[in-house]
Amino acid sequence: MDKVILEGDPDIIVSMRRNPRAKRISLRVSQLDGRVTTTAPGWTPLREIEQFVRAKEDWIRLNLADRAEAISPCIGGVILFEGTQTPIISARARSVRYDGQSLLVPGNPDRAAARLAGFLKTLARQRLAEACDTFSERAGRPYARITLRDTRSRWGSCTSNGNLMFSWRLVMAPRPVLDYVAAHEVAHLCEMNHSPAYWSLVEKIYPGFDGPRGWLRTNGKHLHAYRFGD
C-alpha cells in the first residue's frame, strides 16, 4: 500500500487506498487507533493524491490532537456507562452487575476489562433488540436479525435484506442515544437513503432525535477510547 509521510512533530503516516467506486479523494482519521487513511478513485494520479494529503495536513493534525486518549478499564477506575462515568469495583459475585451506582466485577482483577466487555455486549444486544422491536413496530416494517460489532467508522447499518448491525459500545452512551441509532437504522428498512422522507420517518418513530444525535457527534469518540484487550 502506498503512503505519504508528513514530517513534523510527530511524523504522520497517511495510508493511500484506491477504490474504483470512489468519486473523489477523501480522508479519514480513526478515532479508535489514530490511523490516517486517504481513499481515491482508481484513476487518480499519485501526485494528485499526495498534494491533496499535504494540503490537508493542518486538518489531520487537528483531528489527531482532538482524539480521545486510550483508557484501559480496571478495578478502582471508572468507565463511561449509560453516559455517566461509573466506578468499577471488585465484588464477590458470579458475573458483572450494575447496582445503580457502580459496576461490580468479580474474579481476577487482570480479567476485569474482558469481563466488562462481555457484560456490555450482552446488555447492548438486549437493549438494541428491545429498541428495534419498538421502532420496527412503529415503522410497520420487520427486520431480519441484529448483529453486534466493534466498528470504527459507523454506529449502525441496515442491509437491503433487513439485517441490522450496531456497535455494542452504544450501551456506554446515554440510553436515548442508543435508541436514536436503533431508530435511525430501522428507518432504513423503509427508506434506504437520507432523503427528507427518511428523516420524516425517523422523527415519526423517535420524536426529538436531534439531541441524542448531537451527543453522539460530539462525544462518540469517547466511546472508542476504551481498550478492553479483546
Protein backbone atom coordinates (compact mmCIF):
# COMPACT_ATOMS: atom_id res chain seq x y z
CA MET A 1 0.00 0.00 0.00
CA ASP A 2 1.34 3.45 -0.92
CA LYS A 3 1.75 6.05 1.79
CA VAL A 4 2.53 9.70 2.36
CA ILE A 5 4.73 10.77 5.28
CA LEU A 6 4.00 14.20 6.73
CA GLU A 7 7.17 15.23 8.52
CA GLY A 8 6.77 17.16 11.74
CA ASP A 9 6.31 16.68 15.47
CA PRO A 10 5.35 13.90 15.24
CA ASP A 11 5.66 12.46 11.74
CA ILE A 12 2.33 11.23 10.39
CA ILE A 13 1.96 8.27 8.06
CA VAL A 14 -1.04 8.50 5.73
CA SER A 15 -2.01 5.25 4.03
CA MET A 16 -3.29 5.60 0.47
CA ARG A 17 -6.01 3.34 -0.90
CA ARG A 18 -7.67 3.24 -4.30
CA ASN A 19 -11.33 2.40 -4.72
CA PRO A 20 -12.85 2.15 -8.22
CA ARG A 21 -16.22 3.16 -6.77
CA ALA A 22 -14.90 6.33 -5.10
CA LYS A 23 -15.95 9.56 -6.80
CA ARG A 24 -13.48 11.85 -5.07
CA ILE A 25 -10.44 11.83 -2.78
CA SER A 26 -11.33 11.58 0.91
CA LEU A 27 -9.53 11.45 4.25
CA ARG A 28 -10.34 9.62 7.47
CA VAL A 29 -8.72 9.77 10.91
CA SER A 30 -9.66 6.74 13.01
CA GLN A 31 -10.81 7.74 16.47
CA LEU A 32 -10.02 4.20 17.60
CA ASP A 33 -6.32 3.92 16.79
CA GLY A 34 -5.35 7.21 15.15
CA ARG A 35 -4.63 5.71 11.73
CA VAL A 36 -4.95 8.18 8.86
CA THR A 37 -6.18 6.90 5.50
CA THR A 38 -6.91 8.58 2.20
CA THR A 39 -9.11 6.92 -0.41
CA ALA A 40 -9.11 7.94 -4.05
CA PRO A 41 -10.71 6.81 -7.32
CA GLY A 42 -8.60 4.23 -9.13
CA TRP A 43 -7.66 6.60 -11.94
CA THR A 44 -6.30 9.38 -9.70
CA PRO A 45 -2.59 10.18 -10.29
CA LEU A 46 -0.36 9.51 -7.30
CA ARG A 47 0.92 13.07 -7.32
CA GLU A 48 -2.61 14.45 -7.07
CA ILE A 49 -3.32 12.29 -4.02
CA GLU A 50 -0.10 13.42 -2.35
CA GLN A 51 -0.93 17.07 -2.99
CA PHE A 52 -4.40 16.58 -1.51
CA VAL A 53 -2.96 14.99 1.65
CA ARG A 54 -0.35 17.71 2.16
CA ALA A 55 -2.97 20.41 1.68
CA LYS A 56 -4.99 18.79 4.49
CA GLU A 57 -2.07 18.44 6.94
CA ASP A 58 -3.42 21.04 9.39
CA TRP A 59 -6.82 19.31 9.41
CA ILE A 60 -5.17 15.93 10.02
CA ARG A 61 -3.06 17.19 12.93
CA LEU A 62 -6.05 18.95 14.48
CA ASN A 63 -8.13 15.76 14.38
CA LEU A 64 -5.30 13.66 15.80
CA ALA A 65 -4.83 16.13 18.64
CA ASP A 66 -8.55 16.01 19.36
CA ARG A 67 -8.61 12.21 19.53
CA ALA A 68 -9.55 10.81 22.94
CA GLU A 69 -6.73 9.26 24.97
CA ALA A 70 -6.80 5.46 25.29
CA ILE A 71 -8.28 4.12 28.54
CA SER A 72 -7.87 0.60 29.94
CA PRO A 73 -10.78 -0.21 32.29
CA CYS A 74 -9.59 -1.63 35.61
CA ILE A 75 -10.68 -2.21 39.19
CA GLY A 76 -10.65 1.13 41.00
CA GLY A 77 -11.06 3.07 37.78
CA VAL A 78 -14.14 4.41 36.02
CA ILE A 79 -15.84 3.71 32.73
CA LEU A 80 -18.43 5.55 30.69
CA PHE A 81 -21.68 3.63 31.16
CA GLU A 82 -25.09 4.92 30.09
CA GLY A 83 -23.42 8.31 29.57
CA THR A 84 -22.06 8.55 33.11
CA GLN A 85 -18.56 7.97 34.47
CA THR A 86 -19.17 4.89 36.59
CA PRO A 87 -16.81 3.37 39.20
CA ILE A 88 -15.50 -0.16 38.62
CA ILE A 89 -15.45 -2.09 41.90
CA SER A 90 -14.25 -5.58 42.82
CA ALA A 91 -17.04 -7.75 44.21
CA ARG A 92 -17.89 -11.31 45.12
CA ALA A 93 -20.39 -12.41 42.52
CA ARG A 94 -20.88 -14.85 39.68
CA SER A 95 -20.92 -12.18 36.99
CA VAL A 96 -20.61 -8.45 36.40
CA ARG A 97 -23.59 -6.42 37.51
CA TYR A 98 -24.63 -2.80 37.88
CA ASP A 99 -26.02 -1.79 41.27
CA GLY A 100 -27.29 1.62 40.19
CA GLN A 101 -24.08 3.42 41.09
CA SER A 102 -21.14 1.16 40.30
CA LEU A 103 -20.18 -1.76 38.08
CA LEU A 104 -19.35 -4.72 40.31
CA VAL A 105 -16.77 -7.05 38.76
CA PRO A 106 -15.89 -10.46 40.24
CA GLY A 107 -12.79 -12.61 39.83
CA ASN A 108 -9.19 -11.89 38.93
CA PRO A 109 -8.62 -8.11 38.55
CA ASP A 110 -6.48 -8.83 35.49
CA ARG A 111 -9.63 -10.10 33.76
CA ALA A 112 -11.76 -7.09 34.70
CA ALA A 113 -11.63 -5.45 31.27
CA ALA A 114 -12.60 -8.65 29.47
CA ARG A 115 -15.44 -9.31 31.92
CA LEU A 116 -16.72 -5.76 31.49
CA ALA A 117 -16.65 -6.12 27.71
CA GLY A 118 -18.73 -9.30 27.98
CA PHE A 119 -21.25 -7.57 30.22
CA LEU A 120 -21.54 -4.55 27.93
CA LYS A 121 -22.02 -6.68 24.81
CA THR A 122 -24.76 -8.75 26.42
CA LEU A 123 -26.57 -5.66 27.70
CA ALA A 124 -26.17 -3.89 24.35
CA ARG A 125 -27.76 -6.79 22.49
CA GLN A 126 -30.69 -6.84 24.91
CA ARG A 127 -31.34 -3.11 24.73
CA LEU A 128 -30.86 -2.81 20.98
CA ALA A 129 -33.25 -5.71 20.39
CA GLU A 130 -35.86 -4.04 22.61
CA ALA A 131 -35.41 -0.70 20.84
CA CYS A 132 -35.51 -2.22 17.35
CA ASP A 133 -38.65 -4.18 18.22
CA THR A 134 -40.34 -0.96 19.33
CA PHE A 135 -39.28 1.13 16.33
CA SER A 136 -39.91 -1.68 13.86
CA GLU A 137 -43.49 -1.90 15.06
CA ARG A 138 -43.90 1.88 14.75
CA ALA A 139 -42.45 1.86 11.25
CA GLY A 140 -44.57 -1.10 10.22
CA ARG A 141 -41.58 -2.96 8.80
CA PRO A 142 -39.92 -6.04 10.41
CA TYR A 143 -36.16 -6.56 10.50
CA ALA A 144 -34.38 -9.86 9.86
CA ARG A 145 -31.71 -10.04 12.55
CA ILE A 146 -29.36 -7.97 14.69
CA THR A 147 -25.56 -8.27 14.68
CA LEU A 148 -23.17 -6.54 17.09
CA ARG A 149 -19.65 -5.49 16.13
CA ASP A 150 -16.91 -3.17 17.34
CA THR A 151 -16.99 -0.90 14.33
CA ARG A 152 -14.68 2.08 13.83
CA SER A 153 -16.47 4.20 11.25
CA ARG A 154 -20.19 3.76 11.90
CA TRP A 155 -22.55 3.12 14.78
CA GLY A 156 -25.01 1.05 12.81
CA SER A 157 -26.06 -0.13 9.37
CA CYS A 158 -29.00 -1.70 7.58
CA THR A 159 -28.80 -4.07 4.62
CA SER A 160 -31.32 -4.39 1.81
CA ASN A 161 -32.45 -7.76 3.19
CA GLY A 162 -33.33 -6.29 6.58
CA ASN A 163 -30.26 -7.16 8.65
CA LEU A 164 -29.27 -4.57 11.24
CA MET A 165 -25.75 -4.09 12.60
CA PHE A 166 -24.76 -1.99 15.61
CA SER A 167 -21.69 -1.12 17.62
CA TRP A 168 -22.00 -2.67 21.07
CA ARG A 169 -20.27 0.42 22.50
CA LEU A 170 -23.59 2.27 22.19
CA VAL A 171 -24.54 0.86 25.59
CA MET A 172 -21.89 3.16 27.07
CA ALA A 173 -23.79 6.20 25.77
CA PRO A 174 -26.96 7.64 27.34
CA ARG A 175 -29.97 5.42 26.65
CA PRO A 176 -31.62 7.98 24.30
CA VAL A 177 -28.51 7.83 22.10
CA LEU A 178 -28.76 4.06 21.75
CA ASP A 179 -32.45 4.43 20.98
CA TYR A 180 -31.73 7.06 18.33
CA VAL A 181 -29.25 4.84 16.49
CA ALA A 182 -31.73 1.96 16.61
CA ALA A 183 -34.45 4.21 15.17
CA HIS A 184 -32.03 5.52 12.55
CA GLU A 185 -31.28 2.05 11.22
CA VAL A 186 -34.85 0.75 11.49
CA ALA A 187 -36.00 3.70 9.37
CA HIS A 188 -33.66 2.45 6.63
CA LEU A 189 -35.84 -0.64 6.37
CA CYS A 190 -38.34 1.65 4.66
CA GLU A 191 -36.06 4.28 3.12
CA MET A 192 -32.56 3.18 2.06
CA ASN A 193 -31.36 6.78 1.82
CA HIS A 194 -31.20 10.02 3.80
CA SER A 195 -33.94 11.84 1.91
CA PRO A 196 -36.49 14.19 3.54
CA ALA A 197 -38.90 11.22 3.59
CA TYR A 198 -36.34 9.22 5.55
CA TRP A 199 -35.79 11.89 8.21
CA SER A 200 -39.54 12.40 8.45
CA LEU A 201 -39.88 8.72 9.29
CA VAL A 202 -37.11 8.90 11.92
CA GLU A 203 -38.95 11.82 13.54
CA LYS A 204 -42.20 9.85 13.44
CA ILE A 205 -40.85 6.75 15.17
CA TYR A 206 -38.46 8.60 17.52
CA PRO A 207 -39.50 12.25 18.01
CA GLY A 208 -36.88 14.70 19.20
CA PHE A 209 -33.85 12.78 17.97
CA ASP A 210 -31.70 15.90 17.42
CA GLY A 211 -30.39 15.91 21.00
CA PRO A 212 -29.17 12.29 21.02
CA ARG A 213 -27.80 12.73 17.51
CA GLY A 214 -25.82 15.78 18.62
CA TRP A 215 -24.48 13.96 21.70
CA LEU A 216 -23.13 11.16 19.54
CA ARG A 217 -21.45 13.54 17.11
CA THR A 218 -19.76 15.39 19.97
CA ASN A 219 -18.95 12.53 22.33
CA GLY A 220 -18.83 9.41 20.19
CA LYS A 221 -15.04 9.44 20.14
CA HIS A 222 -15.01 8.88 23.90
CA LEU A 223 -16.78 5.53 23.47
CA HIS A 224 -13.90 4.38 21.28
CA ALA A 225 -11.26 5.45 23.80
CA TYR A 226 -11.68 2.30 25.91
CA ARG A 227 -9.40 -0.66 25.24
CA PHE A 228 -10.70 -3.98 26.52
CA GLY A 229 -7.87 -6.16 25.27
CA ASP A 230 -10.14 -8.26 23.02
